[in-house]
Amino acid sequence: MYKIWNYITNYSLLLIFGAITALIWANVDATSYHALVDYPLAENFFIGHPHLDEAGHIHRTLTLHYLFNDVLMAFFFAIAAKEVWEAVILKNGSLRGKKAATPLIATAGGMLGPVVVYLGLAMLFGSDTYDAVKNGWAVPTATDIAFSYLVGRLVFGAGHPAVRFLLLLAIADDAAGLVILAIFYPTGELAVEWLLLSLAAAILVFLVANWLPRTLDRHNQIRPNSTWVRKNLGFWPYMIAGCISWYGFMRAGIHPALGLLPIVPTIPHADRAFGIFADAEQHLHDLLNDIEHKLKTPVEVILFFFGLLNAGVEFNAIGEPTWLVLGGLLIGKPVGILIMGSLAAHGLRLGLPAGMRTIDLLVIGCVAAIGFTVSLFIASVAFDAHTLLDGAPVQDAAKMGALFSFAAAIISLVVGKLCKVKKQYI
């Protein structure tokens, strides 16, 4: 239990505190809460929410909400991208080879199931509801890695093979979520020329700060050029390239919080990874891992403000979108993972990890139904804050569904008992 609490304090405590503070504040004094969220930091700035003035010209307002959601959350998604990149590219990456086949197919079920349930229930509620909520189909597809991992350890025990299966599934879910955000939730019309700016920044920093020093050091074990670059330049070339890439994403019409993704693969990295929650990760000191270690505390502070600025939903906003998101997560996730995981394991004969039963897929699906962080983020970009359904904001109602997805933790413990899960600690 000590280790589990340690994980909570390391990865999620400030986020929870921010979300709880927002919920209380919004229901006690909604006016002052929304004044904070929309507080303008700079008018007519080069970044921010775009607006048309009376003359028809676009000007941007940098608000507190924009600063954290669109600018600083880029560091959170960069860390997620780092885990996905290592899982895919490294020789011992967790998402490579036959061992990852069943979790990857189960992940597909864990994303398709929620979409089918969400849109299917929306149709049953009627055309008005469907038209109002259809753009939020991706909200219930997310899995919160940290919280799901913690609950998975409580349900299965730290040594159960289902915990590793769950972690693979959650990482793959994150990768798919990044693709969904980039493709299906643009911030404007796609401007390819600005994407070329991001691509150019990534290629240039890779060639100058990574490839060239290594090439010059070929056949020289002392590696003087790479050492000089690491010692004197550090992460700064990648920070500058990241700023350029972020700006390119913003101007290209792709959500700028994804703007650091092209830079992550260009950073020198270790030849192996131990996994996002492994203690051994602390002892890797390649530049990519060093950057992640240095970002940990700032990102936790960012997540606190993300929770504070996004989770402030008034309880009277609870409505049909809330139940659609919950239905997608609590029904679609477990059923989708069970069906597709079983198909992969038995129909395609890819098998399950030794010591794991087919019914464990259902329990894993219940654990993976905790959406929270990424579900909140998708809800904030999928719906306009002013869109109403039956007089209540659709965005707020969907966010409430993401917050209520914590119920999956209790459901997972109950389903684990019913399915006679035997905890393993070694």
Protein backbone atom coordinates (compact mmCIF):
# COMPACT_ATOMS: atom_id res chain seq x y z
CA MET A 1 0.00 0.00 0.00
CA TYR A 2 2.93 2.35 0.65
CA LYS A 3 4.09 2.00 -2.95
CA ILE A 4 0.60 2.68 -4.27
CA TRP A 5 0.30 5.83 -2.15
CA ASN A 6 3.75 6.84 -3.37
CA TYR A 7 2.53 6.55 -6.96
CA ILE A 8 -0.50 8.66 -6.15
CA THR A 9 1.60 11.44 -4.62
CA ASN A 10 4.06 11.30 -7.51
CA TYR A 11 1.62 11.34 -10.39
CA SER A 12 -1.88 12.39 -9.41
CA LEU A 13 -2.35 14.07 -6.06
CA LEU A 14 -2.13 17.68 -7.25
CA LEU A 15 -4.43 16.91 -10.18
CA ILE A 16 -7.07 15.48 -7.83
CA PHE A 17 -6.71 18.44 -5.48
CA GLY A 18 -7.14 20.88 -8.37
CA ALA A 19 -10.24 19.07 -9.64
CA ILE A 20 -11.87 18.92 -6.19
CA THR A 21 -11.11 22.60 -5.59
CA ALA A 22 -12.67 23.47 -8.95
CA LEU A 23 -15.82 21.46 -8.24
CA ILE A 24 -16.34 23.11 -4.88
CA TRP A 25 -15.54 26.61 -6.15
CA ALA A 26 -17.80 26.36 -9.20
CA ASN A 27 -20.74 25.23 -7.08
CA VAL A 28 -20.19 27.85 -4.37
CA ASP A 29 -19.42 30.88 -6.55
CA ALA A 30 -19.62 30.11 -10.26
CA THR A 31 -19.13 33.75 -11.29
CA SER A 32 -15.74 34.18 -9.65
CA TYR A 33 -14.64 30.72 -10.81
CA HIS A 34 -15.35 31.43 -14.48
CA ALA A 35 -13.77 34.85 -14.12
CA LEU A 36 -10.57 33.06 -13.11
CA VAL A 37 -10.79 30.55 -15.98
CA ASP A 38 -11.30 33.26 -18.60
CA TYR A 39 -8.95 35.79 -17.01
CA PRO A 40 -7.15 37.65 -19.84
CA LEU A 41 -3.39 37.68 -19.45
CA ALA A 42 -2.71 39.57 -22.70
CA GLU A 43 -4.84 41.15 -25.43
CA ASN A 44 -3.86 41.29 -29.11
CA PHE A 45 -1.13 38.75 -28.38
CA PHE A 46 0.61 36.47 -30.88
CA ILE A 47 -0.91 33.40 -29.22
CA GLY A 48 -4.29 32.80 -27.61
CA HIS A 49 -7.95 32.39 -28.45
CA PRO A 50 -8.65 33.94 -31.88
CA HIS A 51 -11.42 36.54 -32.20
CA LEU A 52 -12.71 38.70 -35.03
CA ASP A 53 -12.76 42.41 -34.24
CA GLU A 54 -15.25 44.89 -35.72
CA ALA A 55 -13.04 45.41 -38.75
CA GLY A 56 -12.98 41.69 -39.46
CA HIS A 57 -9.35 41.21 -38.38
CA ILE A 58 -8.28 38.28 -36.22
CA HIS A 59 -6.75 39.12 -32.86
CA ARG A 60 -5.82 36.73 -30.08
CA THR A 61 -6.44 36.86 -26.33
CA LEU A 62 -4.17 34.88 -24.05
CA THR A 63 -6.32 33.67 -21.15
CA LEU A 64 -5.35 31.61 -18.12
CA HIS A 65 -7.30 28.68 -19.57
CA TYR A 66 -5.45 28.91 -22.89
CA LEU A 67 -2.08 29.15 -21.15
CA PHE A 68 -2.56 25.86 -19.33
CA ASN A 69 -4.73 23.88 -21.75
CA ASP A 70 -3.08 24.84 -25.02
CA VAL A 71 0.47 25.84 -24.04
CA LEU A 72 1.64 24.14 -20.86
CA MET A 73 -0.28 20.86 -21.30
CA ALA A 74 2.05 20.31 -24.25
CA PHE A 75 4.62 19.13 -21.67
CA PHE A 76 2.15 16.55 -20.30
CA PHE A 77 1.49 15.17 -23.78
CA ALA A 78 5.22 15.21 -24.51
CA ILE A 79 5.81 12.89 -21.54
CA ALA A 80 3.01 10.62 -22.77
CA ALA A 81 4.56 10.66 -26.25
CA LYS A 82 7.95 9.78 -24.75
CA GLU A 83 6.51 6.60 -23.21
CA VAL A 84 4.76 5.66 -26.45
CA TRP A 85 7.89 6.39 -28.51
CA GLU A 86 10.09 4.18 -26.31
CA ALA A 87 7.49 1.41 -26.30
CA VAL A 88 7.44 1.38 -30.10
CA ILE A 89 11.02 2.19 -31.17
CA LEU A 90 13.29 0.46 -28.66
CA LYS A 91 14.35 -3.12 -29.26
CA ASN A 92 12.74 -4.28 -26.02
CA GLY A 93 9.80 -1.87 -26.35
CA SER A 94 6.62 -3.07 -24.70
CA LEU A 95 4.49 -2.44 -27.80
CA ARG A 96 6.70 -4.47 -30.13
CA GLY A 97 6.47 -8.09 -31.13
CA LYS A 98 3.94 -10.82 -30.53
CA LYS A 99 3.76 -10.07 -26.80
CA ALA A 100 1.98 -6.79 -27.60
CA ALA A 101 -0.45 -8.18 -30.17
CA THR A 102 -3.25 -9.17 -27.79
CA PRO A 103 -3.07 -5.93 -25.72
CA LEU A 104 -3.09 -3.86 -28.93
CA ILE A 105 -6.16 -5.63 -30.29
CA ALA A 106 -7.83 -5.34 -26.88
CA THR A 107 -7.03 -1.62 -27.00
CA ALA A 108 -8.91 -1.35 -30.29
CA GLY A 109 -11.91 -2.91 -28.57
CA GLY A 110 -11.47 -0.55 -25.64
CA MET A 111 -11.82 2.39 -28.02
CA LEU A 112 -14.45 1.08 -30.43
CA GLY A 113 -16.72 -0.19 -27.63
CA PRO A 114 -17.12 3.23 -25.97
CA VAL A 115 -17.77 4.91 -29.34
CA VAL A 116 -20.50 2.40 -30.24
CA VAL A 117 -22.18 2.69 -26.82
CA TYR A 118 -21.88 6.50 -26.73
CA LEU A 119 -23.30 7.09 -30.22
CA GLY A 120 -25.83 4.25 -29.91
CA LEU A 121 -27.30 5.66 -26.69
CA ALA A 122 -27.24 9.16 -28.18
CA MET A 123 -29.42 7.92 -31.05
CA LEU A 124 -31.85 6.39 -28.58
CA PHE A 125 -32.14 9.75 -26.80
CA GLY A 126 -33.30 11.34 -30.05
CA SER A 127 -31.97 13.38 -32.95
CA ASP A 128 -31.65 16.61 -30.94
CA THR A 129 -29.42 14.90 -28.39
CA TYR A 130 -27.45 13.09 -31.07
CA ASP A 131 -26.75 16.28 -33.02
CA ALA A 132 -25.65 18.09 -29.86
CA VAL A 133 -23.30 15.39 -28.56
CA LYS A 134 -22.02 13.51 -31.62
CA ASN A 135 -18.73 15.43 -31.76
CA GLY A 136 -17.83 14.11 -28.31
CA TRP A 137 -17.59 10.48 -29.41
CA ALA A 138 -13.91 10.34 -28.41
CA VAL A 139 -14.43 11.53 -24.81
CA PRO A 140 -15.09 8.00 -23.42
CA THR A 141 -12.26 6.37 -25.40
CA ALA A 142 -9.53 7.63 -23.02
CA THR A 143 -7.83 5.67 -20.27
CA ASP A 144 -6.02 7.51 -17.50
CA ILE A 145 -2.69 5.66 -17.21
CA ALA A 146 -1.78 6.65 -13.65
CA PHE A 147 -5.15 6.06 -12.00
CA SER A 148 -5.86 2.85 -13.94
CA TYR A 149 -2.45 1.47 -13.03
CA LEU A 150 -3.02 2.24 -9.35
CA VAL A 151 -6.44 0.61 -9.31
CA GLY A 152 -5.10 -2.33 -11.30
CA ARG A 153 -2.49 -2.97 -8.61
CA LEU A 154 -5.20 -2.84 -5.94
CA VAL A 155 -7.39 -5.31 -7.83
CA PHE A 156 -4.78 -7.76 -9.12
CA GLY A 157 -1.75 -7.20 -6.90
CA ALA A 158 1.56 -5.81 -8.15
CA GLY A 159 2.84 -9.15 -9.53
CA HIS A 160 -0.19 -10.22 -11.57
CA PRO A 161 0.39 -10.42 -15.35
CA ALA A 162 -2.87 -8.53 -15.85
CA VAL A 163 -1.23 -5.37 -14.44
CA ARG A 164 1.41 -5.34 -17.18
CA PHE A 165 -1.29 -6.14 -19.76
CA LEU A 166 -3.29 -3.16 -18.46
CA LEU A 167 -0.25 -0.87 -18.67
CA LEU A 168 0.44 -1.90 -22.28
CA LEU A 169 -3.20 -1.28 -23.11
CA ALA A 170 -3.17 2.15 -21.44
CA ILE A 171 -0.01 3.23 -23.29
CA ALA A 172 -1.46 2.10 -26.62
CA ASP A 173 -4.69 3.92 -25.73
CA ASP A 174 -2.66 7.09 -25.14
CA ALA A 175 -1.01 6.74 -28.53
CA ALA A 176 -4.37 6.36 -30.25
CA GLY A 177 -5.74 9.28 -28.24
CA LEU A 178 -2.96 11.56 -29.49
CA VAL A 179 -3.78 10.59 -33.08
CA ILE A 180 -7.50 11.20 -32.50
CA LEU A 181 -6.84 14.65 -31.03
CA ALA A 182 -4.64 15.60 -33.97
CA ILE A 183 -6.95 14.35 -36.71
CA PHE A 184 -10.50 14.77 -35.42
CA TYR A 185 -10.25 17.84 -33.20
CA PRO A 186 -8.52 20.59 -35.16
CA THR A 187 -8.65 24.15 -33.89
CA GLY A 188 -9.21 25.55 -37.37
CA GLU A 189 -8.79 24.82 -41.07
CA LEU A 190 -5.67 22.78 -41.77
CA ALA A 191 -2.79 24.94 -43.00
CA VAL A 192 -0.18 22.47 -44.25
CA GLU A 193 2.50 25.12 -44.73
CA TRP A 194 2.64 25.69 -40.97
CA LEU A 195 3.00 21.95 -40.36
CA LEU A 196 6.08 22.11 -42.56
CA LEU A 197 7.52 24.59 -40.06
CA SER A 198 7.11 22.00 -37.27
CA LEU A 199 8.63 19.30 -39.46
CA ALA A 200 11.57 21.55 -40.39
CA ALA A 201 12.24 22.35 -36.72
CA ALA A 202 12.27 18.64 -35.85
CA ILE A 203 14.56 17.68 -38.73
CA LEU A 204 16.97 20.56 -38.12
CA VAL A 205 17.37 19.97 -34.39
CA PHE A 206 17.83 16.23 -34.97
CA LEU A 207 20.54 16.79 -37.58
CA VAL A 208 22.44 19.53 -35.72
CA ALA A 209 22.13 18.45 -32.06
CA ASN A 210 21.82 14.68 -32.39
CA TRP A 211 22.92 13.11 -35.68
CA LEU A 212 25.91 15.35 -36.48
CA PRO A 213 27.72 15.00 -33.10
CA ARG A 214 27.21 11.23 -33.13
CA THR A 215 28.48 11.02 -36.71
CA LEU A 216 31.59 13.03 -35.86
CA ASP A 217 32.18 10.76 -32.86
CA ARG A 218 31.94 7.56 -34.86
CA HIS A 219 34.72 5.12 -33.90
CA ASN A 220 35.70 7.38 -30.98
CA GLN A 221 34.65 5.92 -27.62
CA ILE A 222 35.38 9.20 -25.79
CA ARG A 223 32.62 10.91 -27.86
CA PRO A 224 33.97 14.47 -27.47
CA ASN A 225 31.45 16.15 -29.78
CA SER A 226 28.38 14.53 -28.27
CA THR A 227 29.69 15.28 -24.79
CA TRP A 228 30.28 18.94 -25.67
CA VAL A 229 26.77 19.31 -27.08
CA ARG A 230 25.23 17.61 -24.05
CA LYS A 231 27.31 19.61 -21.55
CA ASN A 232 27.10 23.06 -23.13
CA LEU A 233 23.76 23.03 -24.97
CA GLY A 234 21.74 20.49 -22.96
CA PHE A 235 18.04 20.58 -23.73
CA TRP A 236 18.01 24.13 -25.12
CA PRO A 237 18.14 23.24 -28.84
CA TYR A 238 15.13 20.97 -28.30
CA MET A 239 13.30 23.62 -26.27
CA ILE A 240 13.76 26.16 -29.08
CA ALA A 241 12.69 23.61 -31.68
CA GLY A 242 9.71 22.72 -29.45
CA CYS A 243 8.58 26.36 -29.32
CA ILE A 244 8.79 26.60 -33.10
CA SER A 245 6.94 23.30 -33.54
CA TRP A 246 4.24 24.37 -31.04
CA TYR A 247 3.69 27.62 -32.96
CA GLY A 248 3.53 25.67 -36.21
CA PHE A 249 0.81 23.41 -34.79
CA MET A 250 -1.17 26.40 -33.53
CA ARG A 251 -1.06 28.14 -36.91
CA ALA A 252 -1.69 24.86 -38.75
CA GLY A 253 -5.05 24.36 -37.02
CA ILE A 254 -3.97 21.27 -35.04
CA HIS A 255 -4.40 21.45 -31.29
CA PRO A 256 -1.19 23.12 -30.06
CA ALA A 257 -1.01 20.97 -26.92
CA LEU A 258 0.32 18.30 -29.30
CA GLY A 259 2.97 20.66 -30.65
CA LEU A 260 5.96 19.01 -28.95
CA LEU A 261 5.23 15.56 -30.37
CA PRO A 262 7.45 15.94 -33.48
CA ILE A 263 10.41 16.93 -31.25
CA VAL A 264 10.29 13.98 -28.83
CA PRO A 265 11.72 11.41 -31.32
CA THR A 266 14.65 13.72 -32.12
CA ILE A 267 16.03 13.73 -28.55
CA PRO A 268 18.88 11.28 -27.75
CA HIS A 269 17.48 8.37 -25.77
CA ALA A 270 18.62 5.21 -24.03
CA ASP A 271 18.66 1.90 -25.87
CA ARG A 272 16.16 0.40 -23.44
CA ALA A 273 13.27 1.41 -21.20
CA PHE A 274 11.95 -0.11 -17.98
CA GLY A 275 8.44 1.35 -18.12
CA ILE A 276 6.69 4.48 -16.91
CA PHE A 277 6.34 3.41 -13.25
CA ALA A 278 9.56 1.40 -12.88
CA ASP A 279 12.03 2.55 -10.22
CA ALA A 280 14.87 1.75 -12.61
CA GLU A 281 13.75 4.60 -14.89
CA GLN A 282 15.22 7.01 -12.32
CA HIS A 283 18.69 5.66 -13.09
CA LEU A 284 18.54 6.32 -16.84
CA HIS A 285 20.37 9.56 -17.62
CA ASP A 286 20.13 9.87 -21.36
CA LEU A 287 18.92 13.33 -22.40
CA LEU A 288 15.33 12.20 -23.04
CA ASN A 289 14.99 10.66 -19.58
CA ASP A 290 16.77 13.60 -17.94
CA ILE A 291 14.27 15.97 -19.54
CA GLU A 292 11.40 13.81 -18.30
CA HIS A 293 12.83 13.79 -14.76
CA LYS A 294 13.19 17.59 -14.78
CA LEU A 295 9.68 18.04 -16.13
CA LYS A 296 8.05 15.86 -13.48
CA THR A 297 7.48 18.55 -10.84
CA PRO A 298 6.51 21.33 -13.30
CA VAL A 299 4.03 18.98 -14.99
CA GLU A 300 2.46 18.09 -11.65
CA VAL A 301 1.90 21.82 -11.02
CA ILE A 302 0.51 22.16 -14.55
CA LEU A 303 -1.87 19.27 -13.89
CA PHE A 304 -3.08 20.97 -10.72
CA PHE A 305 -4.05 24.05 -12.71
CA PHE A 306 -5.45 21.88 -15.50
CA GLY A 307 -7.77 20.25 -12.97
CA LEU A 308 -8.58 23.63 -11.41
CA LEU A 309 -9.42 25.28 -14.74
CA ASN A 310 -11.31 22.39 -16.32
CA ALA A 311 -13.14 20.44 -13.62
CA GLY A 312 -15.24 23.32 -12.30
CA VAL A 313 -18.64 22.00 -13.31
CA GLU A 314 -21.90 22.95 -11.61
CA PHE A 315 -23.89 19.94 -10.50
CA ASN A 316 -27.00 21.22 -12.25
CA ALA A 317 -25.14 20.63 -15.54
CA ILE A 318 -25.54 16.87 -15.13
CA GLY A 319 -27.58 15.62 -18.07
CA GLU A 320 -27.70 13.24 -21.01
CA PRO A 321 -24.07 13.84 -22.10
CA THR A 322 -22.97 12.81 -18.59
CA TRP A 323 -24.69 9.44 -18.89
CA LEU A 324 -23.45 8.97 -22.46
CA VAL A 325 -19.82 9.44 -21.40
CA LEU A 326 -20.31 7.20 -18.39
CA GLY A 327 -22.07 4.57 -20.50
CA GLY A 328 -19.25 4.61 -23.02
CA LEU A 329 -16.64 4.21 -20.30
CA LEU A 330 -18.35 1.86 -17.85
CA ILE A 331 -20.07 -0.37 -20.43
CA GLY A 332 -18.27 0.13 -23.72
CA LYS A 333 -14.73 -0.21 -22.32
CA PRO A 334 -15.14 -3.53 -20.47
CA VAL A 335 -17.27 -5.14 -23.19
CA GLY A 336 -15.02 -3.93 -26.01
CA ILE A 337 -11.83 -5.10 -24.28
CA LEU A 338 -13.38 -8.47 -23.38
CA ILE A 339 -14.66 -9.14 -26.93
CA MET A 340 -11.60 -8.00 -28.85
CA GLY A 341 -9.14 -9.40 -26.29
CA SER A 342 -10.88 -12.79 -26.44
CA LEU A 343 -10.88 -12.67 -30.23
CA ALA A 344 -7.15 -12.00 -30.26
CA ALA A 345 -6.29 -14.57 -27.59
CA HIS A 346 -8.47 -17.44 -28.83
CA GLY A 347 -9.83 -16.61 -32.30
CA LEU A 348 -6.45 -15.47 -33.64
CA ARG A 349 -4.58 -17.78 -31.24
CA LEU A 350 -2.29 -15.03 -30.01
CA GLY A 351 -2.81 -16.14 -26.44
CA LEU A 352 -2.78 -14.39 -23.08
CA PRO A 353 0.16 -13.90 -20.69
CA ALA A 354 0.88 -16.92 -18.51
CA GLY A 355 -1.25 -16.82 -15.37
CA MET A 356 -3.95 -14.61 -16.88
CA ARG A 357 -7.52 -15.83 -17.51
CA THR A 358 -9.97 -14.71 -20.19
CA ILE A 359 -12.35 -13.33 -17.55
CA ASP A 360 -9.51 -11.08 -16.35
CA LEU A 361 -10.05 -9.11 -19.57
CA LEU A 362 -13.42 -7.99 -18.24
CA VAL A 363 -11.82 -6.80 -14.99
CA ILE A 364 -9.08 -5.00 -16.94
CA GLY A 365 -11.81 -3.31 -18.99
CA CYS A 366 -13.47 -2.05 -15.82
CA VAL A 367 -10.16 -0.66 -14.54
CA ALA A 368 -9.43 0.99 -17.92
CA ALA A 369 -12.79 2.78 -17.73
CA ILE A 370 -11.22 5.50 -15.59
CA GLY A 371 -10.96 8.30 -18.16
CA PHE A 372 -10.45 11.43 -16.05
CA THR A 373 -7.43 13.46 -17.30
CA VAL A 374 -7.55 12.84 -21.04
CA SER A 375 -11.35 12.56 -21.09
CA LEU A 376 -11.55 15.99 -19.45
CA PHE A 377 -9.15 17.36 -22.04
CA ILE A 378 -11.06 15.89 -25.00
CA ALA A 379 -14.36 17.18 -23.62
CA SER A 380 -12.89 20.68 -23.46
CA VAL A 381 -11.93 20.59 -27.15
CA ALA A 382 -14.83 18.52 -28.50
CA PHE A 383 -17.59 20.90 -27.39
CA ASP A 384 -17.99 24.63 -27.54
CA ALA A 385 -18.50 26.00 -24.05
CA HIS A 386 -21.68 27.77 -25.18
CA THR A 387 -23.41 24.76 -26.79
CA LEU A 388 -26.55 23.90 -24.81
CA LEU A 389 -28.77 20.84 -24.54
CA ASP A 390 -32.00 21.29 -22.60
CA GLY A 391 -30.61 24.57 -21.28
CA ALA A 392 -27.42 23.06 -19.84
CA PRO A 393 -23.90 23.33 -21.31
CA VAL A 394 -22.99 20.13 -23.18
CA GLN A 395 -19.29 20.55 -22.38
CA ASP A 396 -19.90 20.74 -18.64
CA ALA A 397 -22.20 17.72 -18.70
CA ALA A 398 -19.60 15.68 -20.60
CA LYS A 399 -16.88 16.77 -18.16
CA MET A 400 -19.03 15.57 -15.30
CA GLY A 401 -19.13 12.15 -16.96
CA ALA A 402 -15.33 12.14 -17.08
CA LEU A 403 -15.18 13.04 -13.38
CA PHE A 404 -17.74 10.39 -12.46
CA SER A 405 -15.62 7.77 -14.25
CA PHE A 406 -13.80 7.37 -10.92
CA ALA A 407 -16.72 5.08 -10.09
CA ALA A 408 -14.91 2.54 -12.25
CA ALA A 409 -12.45 2.05 -9.38
CA ILE A 410 -15.19 0.76 -7.07
CA ILE A 411 -16.77 -1.26 -9.88
CA SER A 412 -13.38 -2.83 -10.63
CA LEU A 413 -12.93 -3.97 -7.03
CA VAL A 414 -16.42 -5.49 -6.99
CA VAL A 415 -16.05 -7.19 -10.40
CA GLY A 416 -12.63 -8.47 -9.35
CA LYS A 417 -14.21 -10.15 -6.32
CA LEU A 418 -17.06 -11.59 -8.41
CA CYS A 419 -14.59 -12.92 -10.98
CA LYS A 420 -12.49 -14.44 -8.18
CA VAL A 421 -9.30 -12.62 -9.05
CA LYS A 422 -6.39 -14.02 -7.05
CA LYS A 423 -3.96 -11.25 -6.17
CA GLN A 424 -0.30 -11.84 -6.95
CA TYR A 425 2.46 -9.77 -5.37
CA ILE A 426 5.53 -11.45 -6.83
